[in-house]
């Protein structure tokens, strides 16, 4: 076997080991409903919940503060609007993933790294736990974690 053929085999094997993010969000219909329902309960206070998210995020990783320009209230409104778009798009995966890929590309230009998305997921889960209290049950948390893992893969490129 030639060196060129060996290189081609190695390249094929390595490309198989890195699976691209699936365009479909890996949630069951029930999990999507749990995410929608929990978000709906937060909706009356979504700007305050988003502010709580950022306060927790910056407590976990203070270096992230400089990644978000402008007042916290403005960032919180943007985040809340993005969350609402995500919730609306849960039933329309083909519309959400391209938007997320564009957002991820923009974030990479701003210097955001995949590890930041994991930190953001941690802060969001904490925020949901604090905001929903007893209504944030195990299966709802699992649904959010599944969604956030997928979003992290897509946004991280």
N, C-alpha and C. Protein backbone atom coordinates (compact mmCIF):
# COMPACT_ATOMS: atom_id res chain seq x y z
N UNK A 1 0.85 -1.17 0.00
CA UNK A 1 0.00 0.00 0.00
C UNK A 1 0.90 1.24 0.00
N UNK A 2 0.54 2.20 -0.85
CA UNK A 2 1.37 3.40 -0.97
C UNK A 2 1.13 4.35 0.20
N UNK A 3 2.03 5.29 0.37
CA UNK A 3 1.91 6.29 1.43
C UNK A 3 0.67 7.16 1.22
N UNK A 4 0.34 7.43 -0.04
CA UNK A 4 -0.85 8.25 -0.35
C UNK A 4 -2.12 7.51 0.08
N UNK A 5 -2.18 6.20 -0.22
CA UNK A 5 -3.34 5.41 0.17
C UNK A 5 -3.48 5.34 1.69
N UNK A 6 -2.35 5.16 2.38
CA UNK A 6 -2.37 5.11 3.84
C UNK A 6 -2.87 6.44 4.41
N UNK A 7 -2.43 7.56 3.85
CA UNK A 7 -2.88 8.88 4.31
C UNK A 7 -4.37 9.04 4.10
N UNK A 8 -4.87 8.55 2.96
CA UNK A 8 -6.30 8.65 2.67
C UNK A 8 -7.11 7.83 3.67
N UNK A 9 -6.61 6.64 4.01
CA UNK A 9 -7.31 5.79 4.98
C UNK A 9 -7.33 6.46 6.35
N UNK A 10 -6.19 7.01 6.76
CA UNK A 10 -6.13 7.70 8.06
C UNK A 10 -7.06 8.89 8.08
N UNK A 11 -7.11 9.66 7.00
CA UNK A 11 -7.98 10.84 6.94
C UNK A 11 -9.44 10.43 7.02
N UNK A 12 -9.80 9.33 6.34
CA UNK A 12 -11.17 8.84 6.38
C UNK A 12 -11.54 8.40 7.79
N UNK A 13 -10.65 7.67 8.44
CA UNK A 13 -10.91 7.21 9.81
C UNK A 13 -11.06 8.37 10.77
N UNK A 14 -10.19 9.38 10.66
CA UNK A 14 -10.27 10.50 11.59
C UNK A 14 -11.51 11.34 11.33
N UNK A 15 -11.95 11.43 10.07
CA UNK A 15 -13.16 12.22 9.81
C UNK A 15 -14.39 11.51 10.33
N UNK A 16 -14.35 10.19 10.41
CA UNK A 16 -15.48 9.45 10.97
C UNK A 16 -15.58 9.64 12.48
N UNK A 17 -14.45 9.86 13.14
CA UNK A 17 -14.48 9.96 14.60
C UNK A 17 -15.01 11.31 15.07
N UNK A 18 -15.02 12.29 14.20
CA UNK A 18 -15.54 13.61 14.57
C UNK A 18 -16.87 13.78 13.85
N UNK A 19 -17.93 13.44 14.53
CA UNK A 19 -19.26 13.53 13.93
C UNK A 19 -19.75 14.96 13.95
N UNK A 20 -20.27 15.45 12.83
CA UNK A 20 -20.80 16.80 12.82
C UNK A 20 -22.06 16.87 13.68
N UNK A 21 -22.36 18.06 14.16
CA UNK A 21 -23.56 18.23 14.96
C UNK A 21 -24.78 17.93 14.11
N UNK A 22 -25.66 17.12 14.65
CA UNK A 22 -26.87 16.77 13.93
C UNK A 22 -27.73 18.00 13.73
N UNK A 23 -28.34 18.15 12.54
CA UNK A 23 -29.20 19.31 12.34
C UNK A 23 -30.48 19.23 13.15
N UNK A 24 -30.84 18.05 13.57
CA UNK A 24 -32.06 17.90 14.34
C UNK A 24 -31.75 17.93 15.83
N UNK A 25 -32.58 18.64 16.56
CA UNK A 25 -32.39 18.73 18.00
C UNK A 25 -32.84 17.40 18.61
N UNK A 26 -31.95 16.75 19.37
CA UNK A 26 -32.23 15.40 19.86
C UNK A 26 -33.14 15.36 21.09
N UNK A 27 -34.30 15.95 20.97
CA UNK A 27 -35.27 15.94 22.06
C UNK A 27 -36.52 15.20 21.62
N UNK A 28 -37.10 14.48 22.54
CA UNK A 28 -38.39 13.85 22.26
C UNK A 28 -39.46 14.94 22.30
N UNK A 29 -40.64 14.60 21.80
CA UNK A 29 -41.75 15.55 21.85
C UNK A 29 -42.06 15.95 23.29
N UNK A 30 -41.97 14.99 24.20
CA UNK A 30 -42.23 15.29 25.62
C UNK A 30 -41.18 16.24 26.18
N UNK A 31 -39.90 16.01 25.83
CA UNK A 31 -38.85 16.90 26.32
C UNK A 31 -39.02 18.31 25.77
N UNK A 32 -39.38 18.42 24.50
CA UNK A 32 -39.62 19.75 23.93
C UNK A 32 -40.74 20.46 24.69
N UNK A 33 -41.77 19.70 25.02
CA UNK A 33 -42.89 20.30 25.76
C UNK A 33 -42.45 20.73 27.16
N UNK A 34 -41.63 19.93 27.81
CA UNK A 34 -41.13 20.30 29.14
C UNK A 34 -40.31 21.59 29.08
N UNK A 35 -39.47 21.71 28.06
CA UNK A 35 -38.68 22.93 27.90
C UNK A 35 -39.60 24.12 27.64
N UNK A 36 -40.55 23.95 26.73
CA UNK A 36 -41.49 25.04 26.42
C UNK A 36 -42.28 25.45 27.67
N UNK A 37 -42.80 24.47 28.39
CA UNK A 37 -43.62 24.77 29.57
C UNK A 37 -42.81 25.50 30.65
N UNK A 38 -41.59 25.05 30.87
CA UNK A 38 -40.77 25.70 31.91
C UNK A 38 -40.41 27.11 31.49
N UNK A 39 -40.13 27.31 30.21
CA UNK A 39 -39.82 28.65 29.73
C UNK A 39 -41.05 29.56 29.84
N UNK A 40 -42.21 29.01 29.53
CA UNK A 40 -43.46 29.78 29.60
C UNK A 40 -43.70 30.29 31.03
N UNK A 41 -43.34 29.49 32.03
CA UNK A 41 -43.52 29.91 33.43
C UNK A 41 -42.59 31.07 33.79
N UNK A 42 -41.46 31.15 33.09
CA UNK A 42 -40.51 32.24 33.35
C UNK A 42 -40.84 33.52 32.59
N UNK A 43 -41.64 33.39 31.57
CA UNK A 43 -41.87 34.49 30.65
C UNK A 43 -42.27 35.82 31.30
N UNK A 44 -43.13 35.83 32.30
CA UNK A 44 -43.49 37.13 32.90
C UNK A 44 -42.29 37.88 33.51
N UNK A 45 -41.27 37.15 33.90
CA UNK A 45 -40.10 37.78 34.53
C UNK A 45 -38.83 37.48 33.72
N UNK A 46 -38.97 37.28 32.41
CA UNK A 46 -37.82 36.79 31.63
C UNK A 46 -36.62 37.73 31.66
N UNK A 47 -36.84 39.06 31.67
CA UNK A 47 -35.69 39.98 31.72
C UNK A 47 -34.95 39.86 33.05
N UNK A 48 -35.70 39.72 34.14
CA UNK A 48 -35.06 39.54 35.45
C UNK A 48 -34.34 38.20 35.54
N UNK A 49 -34.95 37.17 34.98
CA UNK A 49 -34.32 35.85 34.96
C UNK A 49 -33.03 35.91 34.14
N UNK A 50 -33.06 36.62 33.03
CA UNK A 50 -31.86 36.75 32.20
C UNK A 50 -30.77 37.52 32.95
N UNK A 51 -31.15 38.53 33.71
CA UNK A 51 -30.16 39.25 34.52
C UNK A 51 -29.54 38.33 35.57
N UNK A 52 -30.38 37.51 36.20
CA UNK A 52 -29.89 36.54 37.17
C UNK A 52 -28.89 35.58 36.50
N UNK A 53 -29.22 35.15 35.29
CA UNK A 53 -28.31 34.29 34.52
C UNK A 53 -26.94 34.94 34.37
N UNK A 54 -26.92 36.21 33.94
CA UNK A 54 -25.63 36.88 33.73
C UNK A 54 -24.87 37.09 35.03
N UNK A 55 -25.59 37.40 36.10
CA UNK A 55 -24.91 37.54 37.39
C UNK A 55 -24.23 36.23 37.79
N UNK A 56 -24.93 35.12 37.59
CA UNK A 56 -24.34 33.81 37.91
C UNK A 56 -23.19 33.50 36.95
N UNK A 57 -23.38 33.78 35.68
CA UNK A 57 -22.33 33.52 34.69
C UNK A 57 -21.04 34.25 35.05
N UNK A 58 -21.16 35.52 35.40
CA UNK A 58 -19.97 36.31 35.73
C UNK A 58 -19.38 35.92 37.08
N UNK A 59 -20.19 35.32 37.94
CA UNK A 59 -19.66 34.81 39.21
C UNK A 59 -18.85 33.53 38.95
N UNK A 60 -19.34 32.68 38.04
CA UNK A 60 -18.62 31.45 37.70
C UNK A 60 -17.31 31.78 36.98
N UNK A 61 -17.39 32.69 36.02
CA UNK A 61 -16.21 33.04 35.23
C UNK A 61 -16.18 34.55 34.98
N UNK A 62 -15.56 35.30 35.89
CA UNK A 62 -15.52 36.76 35.75
C UNK A 62 -14.88 37.25 34.45
N UNK A 63 -14.03 36.43 33.83
CA UNK A 63 -13.40 36.86 32.58
C UNK A 63 -14.41 37.01 31.45
N UNK A 64 -15.59 36.41 31.59
CA UNK A 64 -16.59 36.52 30.54
C UNK A 64 -17.24 37.90 30.48
N UNK A 65 -17.16 38.66 31.55
CA UNK A 65 -17.79 39.98 31.58
C UNK A 65 -17.31 40.85 30.43
N UNK A 66 -16.02 40.80 30.13
CA UNK A 66 -15.48 41.65 29.07
C UNK A 66 -15.91 41.18 27.68
N UNK A 67 -16.46 39.98 27.58
CA UNK A 67 -16.95 39.47 26.29
C UNK A 67 -18.32 40.03 25.93
N UNK A 68 -18.99 40.62 26.91
CA UNK A 68 -20.33 41.15 26.69
C UNK A 68 -20.30 42.66 26.87
N UNK A 69 -20.34 43.37 25.75
CA UNK A 69 -20.27 44.83 25.80
C UNK A 69 -21.62 45.40 26.20
N UNK A 70 -21.56 46.51 26.89
CA UNK A 70 -22.78 47.23 27.24
C UNK A 70 -23.34 46.84 28.59
N UNK A 71 -24.38 47.56 28.97
CA UNK A 71 -25.00 47.32 30.28
C UNK A 71 -25.61 45.91 30.38
N UNK A 72 -25.60 45.39 31.59
CA UNK A 72 -26.15 44.06 31.86
C UNK A 72 -27.61 43.96 31.40
N UNK A 73 -28.38 45.02 31.61
CA UNK A 73 -29.81 45.00 31.25
C UNK A 73 -29.98 44.78 29.74
N UNK A 74 -29.12 45.41 28.95
CA UNK A 74 -29.20 45.26 27.50
C UNK A 74 -28.84 43.83 27.10
N UNK A 75 -27.78 43.30 27.68
CA UNK A 75 -27.37 41.93 27.40
C UNK A 75 -28.47 40.95 27.83
N UNK A 76 -29.09 41.23 28.96
CA UNK A 76 -30.16 40.36 29.46
C UNK A 76 -31.34 40.35 28.49
N UNK A 77 -31.70 41.51 27.95
CA UNK A 77 -32.80 41.57 26.99
C UNK A 77 -32.46 40.79 25.72
N UNK A 78 -31.24 40.94 25.25
CA UNK A 78 -30.80 40.19 24.06
C UNK A 78 -30.85 38.69 24.32
N UNK A 79 -30.36 38.29 25.49
CA UNK A 79 -30.36 36.87 25.84
C UNK A 79 -31.78 36.33 25.94
N UNK A 80 -32.66 37.10 26.58
CA UNK A 80 -34.06 36.67 26.73
C UNK A 80 -34.72 36.54 25.36
N UNK A 81 -34.44 37.46 24.46
CA UNK A 81 -35.00 37.40 23.11
C UNK A 81 -34.47 36.17 22.37
N UNK A 82 -33.17 35.90 22.53
CA UNK A 82 -32.58 34.72 21.90
C UNK A 82 -33.18 33.43 22.43
N UNK A 83 -33.42 33.40 23.73
CA UNK A 83 -34.04 32.21 24.34
C UNK A 83 -35.46 32.02 23.79
N UNK A 84 -36.19 33.11 23.67
CA UNK A 84 -37.55 33.01 23.14
C UNK A 84 -37.53 32.48 21.71
N UNK A 85 -36.62 32.99 20.90
CA UNK A 85 -36.47 32.50 19.53
C UNK A 85 -36.16 31.01 19.52
N UNK A 86 -35.28 30.57 20.40
CA UNK A 86 -34.94 29.16 20.48
C UNK A 86 -36.17 28.33 20.84
N UNK A 87 -36.95 28.78 21.79
CA UNK A 87 -38.13 28.04 22.22
C UNK A 87 -39.14 27.96 21.07
N UNK A 88 -39.35 29.07 20.40
CA UNK A 88 -40.27 29.08 19.25
C UNK A 88 -39.79 28.13 18.17
N UNK A 89 -38.49 28.07 17.98
CA UNK A 89 -37.89 27.27 16.91
C UNK A 89 -37.78 25.78 17.24
N UNK A 90 -38.12 25.37 18.44
CA UNK A 90 -37.97 23.96 18.81
C UNK A 90 -38.69 23.02 17.85
N UNK A 91 -39.79 23.44 17.30
CA UNK A 91 -40.53 22.60 16.37
C UNK A 91 -40.09 22.78 14.93
N UNK A 92 -39.12 23.65 14.71
CA UNK A 92 -38.68 23.95 13.35
C UNK A 92 -37.16 23.86 13.27
N UNK A 93 -36.63 22.66 13.48
CA UNK A 93 -35.19 22.47 13.58
C UNK A 93 -34.43 23.01 12.37
N UNK A 94 -35.02 22.89 11.18
CA UNK A 94 -34.31 23.35 10.00
C UNK A 94 -34.09 24.85 10.02
N UNK A 95 -34.91 25.58 10.78
CA UNK A 95 -34.72 27.02 10.89
C UNK A 95 -33.78 27.40 12.01
N UNK A 96 -33.68 26.58 13.02
CA UNK A 96 -32.86 26.92 14.19
C UNK A 96 -31.38 26.67 13.96
N UNK A 97 -31.03 25.53 13.41
CA UNK A 97 -29.62 25.16 13.28
C UNK A 97 -28.84 26.14 12.40
N UNK A 98 -29.34 26.53 11.22
CA UNK A 98 -28.57 27.52 10.44
C UNK A 98 -28.37 28.84 11.19
N UNK A 99 -29.37 29.25 11.93
CA UNK A 99 -29.26 30.48 12.73
C UNK A 99 -28.20 30.31 13.81
N UNK A 100 -28.20 29.15 14.46
CA UNK A 100 -27.20 28.87 15.50
C UNK A 100 -25.80 28.82 14.92
N UNK A 101 -25.66 28.25 13.73
CA UNK A 101 -24.33 28.20 13.10
C UNK A 101 -23.82 29.61 12.81
N UNK A 102 -24.70 30.47 12.32
CA UNK A 102 -24.29 31.86 12.07
C UNK A 102 -23.92 32.56 13.37
N UNK A 103 -24.72 32.34 14.39
CA UNK A 103 -24.44 32.94 15.69
C UNK A 103 -23.11 32.41 16.24
N UNK A 104 -22.88 31.12 16.10
CA UNK A 104 -21.62 30.53 16.55
C UNK A 104 -20.43 31.13 15.82
N UNK A 105 -20.57 31.34 14.51
CA UNK A 105 -19.48 31.95 13.73
C UNK A 105 -19.21 33.37 14.23
N UNK A 106 -20.27 34.10 14.51
CA UNK A 106 -20.13 35.46 15.04
C UNK A 106 -19.44 35.43 16.41
N UNK A 107 -19.85 34.50 17.24
CA UNK A 107 -19.24 34.37 18.57
C UNK A 107 -17.75 34.02 18.47
N UNK A 108 -17.41 33.14 17.52
CA UNK A 108 -15.99 32.79 17.36
C UNK A 108 -15.17 34.01 16.94
N UNK A 109 -15.76 34.87 16.10
CA UNK A 109 -15.07 36.11 15.71
C UNK A 109 -14.83 37.00 16.92
N UNK A 110 -15.74 36.93 17.88
CA UNK A 110 -15.61 37.72 19.10
C UNK A 110 -14.71 37.05 20.13
N UNK A 111 -14.21 35.87 19.82
CA UNK A 111 -13.29 35.18 20.72
C UNK A 111 -13.94 34.21 21.70
N UNK A 112 -15.23 33.92 21.53
CA UNK A 112 -15.88 32.95 22.42
C UNK A 112 -15.43 31.54 22.04
N UNK A 113 -15.13 30.76 23.03
CA UNK A 113 -14.66 29.40 22.84
C UNK A 113 -15.72 28.41 23.31
N UNK A 114 -15.67 27.17 22.79
CA UNK A 114 -16.67 26.17 23.20
C UNK A 114 -16.80 26.01 24.72
N UNK A 115 -15.71 26.16 25.45
CA UNK A 115 -15.80 26.01 26.91
C UNK A 115 -16.70 27.08 27.54
N UNK A 116 -16.79 28.23 26.90
CA UNK A 116 -17.67 29.29 27.41
C UNK A 116 -19.14 28.85 27.34
N UNK A 117 -19.48 28.10 26.29
CA UNK A 117 -20.86 27.62 26.17
C UNK A 117 -21.20 26.64 27.30
N UNK A 118 -20.21 25.84 27.68
CA UNK A 118 -20.45 24.91 28.80
C UNK A 118 -20.67 25.71 30.09
N UNK A 119 -19.91 26.76 30.28
CA UNK A 119 -20.09 27.62 31.45
C UNK A 119 -21.45 28.29 31.41
N UNK A 120 -21.84 28.75 30.22
CA UNK A 120 -23.15 29.38 30.08
C UNK A 120 -24.28 28.39 30.36
N UNK A 121 -24.10 27.15 29.92
CA UNK A 121 -25.10 26.11 30.20
C UNK A 121 -25.22 25.88 31.70
N UNK A 122 -24.08 25.82 32.38
CA UNK A 122 -24.09 25.63 33.83
C UNK A 122 -24.83 26.78 34.51
N UNK A 123 -24.56 28.00 34.09
CA UNK A 123 -25.22 29.17 34.68
C UNK A 123 -26.72 29.15 34.38
N UNK A 124 -27.09 28.73 33.19
CA UNK A 124 -28.51 28.70 32.84
C UNK A 124 -29.26 27.65 33.64
N UNK A 125 -28.67 26.46 33.78
CA UNK A 125 -29.33 25.42 34.58
C UNK A 125 -29.52 25.91 36.01
N UNK A 126 -28.50 26.53 36.58
CA UNK A 126 -28.61 27.07 37.94
C UNK A 126 -29.73 28.11 38.00
N UNK A 127 -29.79 28.98 37.00
CA UNK A 127 -30.82 30.02 36.96
C UNK A 127 -32.21 29.42 36.88
N UNK A 128 -32.36 28.38 36.06
CA UNK A 128 -33.66 27.71 35.96
C UNK A 128 -34.04 27.06 37.29
N UNK A 129 -33.07 26.43 37.94
CA UNK A 129 -33.33 25.81 39.25
C UNK A 129 -33.79 26.86 40.27
N UNK A 130 -33.12 28.00 40.29
CA UNK A 130 -33.47 29.05 41.26
C UNK A 130 -34.81 29.69 40.93
N UNK A 131 -35.07 29.88 39.66
CA UNK A 131 -36.28 30.60 39.24
C UNK A 131 -37.53 29.74 39.29
N UNK A 132 -37.39 28.46 38.96
CA UNK A 132 -38.56 27.57 38.92
C UNK A 132 -38.74 26.76 40.20
N UNK A 133 -37.71 26.72 41.02
CA UNK A 133 -37.72 25.99 42.29
C UNK A 133 -38.25 24.57 42.12
N UNK A 134 -39.29 24.19 42.84
CA UNK A 134 -39.80 22.82 42.81
C UNK A 134 -40.38 22.41 41.46
N UNK A 135 -40.71 23.39 40.63
CA UNK A 135 -41.26 23.07 39.31
C UNK A 135 -40.18 22.61 38.33
N UNK A 136 -38.93 22.78 38.69
CA UNK A 136 -37.83 22.34 37.83
C UNK A 136 -37.45 20.92 38.23
N UNK A 137 -38.25 19.97 37.75
CA UNK A 137 -38.07 18.57 38.12
C UNK A 137 -36.95 17.91 37.32
N UNK A 138 -36.58 16.72 37.75
CA UNK A 138 -35.48 15.99 37.14
C UNK A 138 -35.63 15.85 35.63
N UNK A 139 -36.81 15.44 35.16
CA UNK A 139 -36.96 15.23 33.71
C UNK A 139 -36.93 16.54 32.93
N UNK A 140 -37.35 17.63 33.55
CA UNK A 140 -37.25 18.93 32.90
C UNK A 140 -35.78 19.35 32.81
N UNK A 141 -35.05 19.12 33.88
CA UNK A 141 -33.62 19.43 33.89
C UNK A 141 -32.88 18.61 32.83
N UNK A 142 -33.23 17.33 32.71
CA UNK A 142 -32.60 16.48 31.70
C UNK A 142 -32.90 16.98 30.29
N UNK A 143 -34.14 17.44 30.08
CA UNK A 143 -34.50 17.97 28.76
C UNK A 143 -33.68 19.22 28.44
N UNK A 144 -33.57 20.12 29.41
CA UNK A 144 -32.76 21.33 29.20
C UNK A 144 -31.29 20.98 28.96
N UNK A 145 -30.76 20.04 29.73
CA UNK A 145 -29.36 19.64 29.55
C UNK A 145 -29.12 19.04 28.16
N UNK A 146 -30.05 18.24 27.68
CA UNK A 146 -29.93 17.66 26.34
C UNK A 146 -29.93 18.77 25.29
N UNK A 147 -30.86 19.71 25.43
CA UNK A 147 -30.94 20.84 24.51
C UNK A 147 -29.65 21.66 24.53
N UNK A 148 -29.17 21.96 25.73
CA UNK A 148 -27.98 22.80 25.86
C UNK A 148 -26.73 22.10 25.33
N UNK A 149 -26.62 20.79 25.50
CA UNK A 149 -25.49 20.05 24.93
C UNK A 149 -25.49 20.17 23.41
N UNK A 150 -26.66 20.03 22.82
CA UNK A 150 -26.77 20.14 21.37
C UNK A 150 -26.43 21.56 20.91
N UNK A 151 -26.96 22.55 21.60
CA UNK A 151 -26.67 23.94 21.23
C UNK A 151 -25.18 24.23 21.33
N UNK A 152 -24.55 23.68 22.37
CA UNK A 152 -23.11 23.86 22.55
C UNK A 152 -22.33 23.29 21.37
N UNK A 153 -22.74 22.10 20.92
CA UNK A 153 -22.07 21.48 19.76
C UNK A 153 -22.23 22.33 18.50
N UNK A 154 -23.45 22.81 18.27
CA UNK A 154 -23.71 23.58 17.05
C UNK A 154 -23.01 24.94 17.12
N UNK A 155 -23.14 25.64 18.25
CA UNK A 155 -22.53 26.96 18.38
C UNK A 155 -21.00 26.88 18.36
N UNK A 156 -20.47 25.81 18.93
CA UNK A 156 -19.01 25.65 18.99
C UNK A 156 -18.38 25.33 17.65
N UNK A 157 -19.22 25.01 16.67
CA UNK A 157 -18.71 24.75 15.33
C UNK A 157 -18.20 23.39 15.23
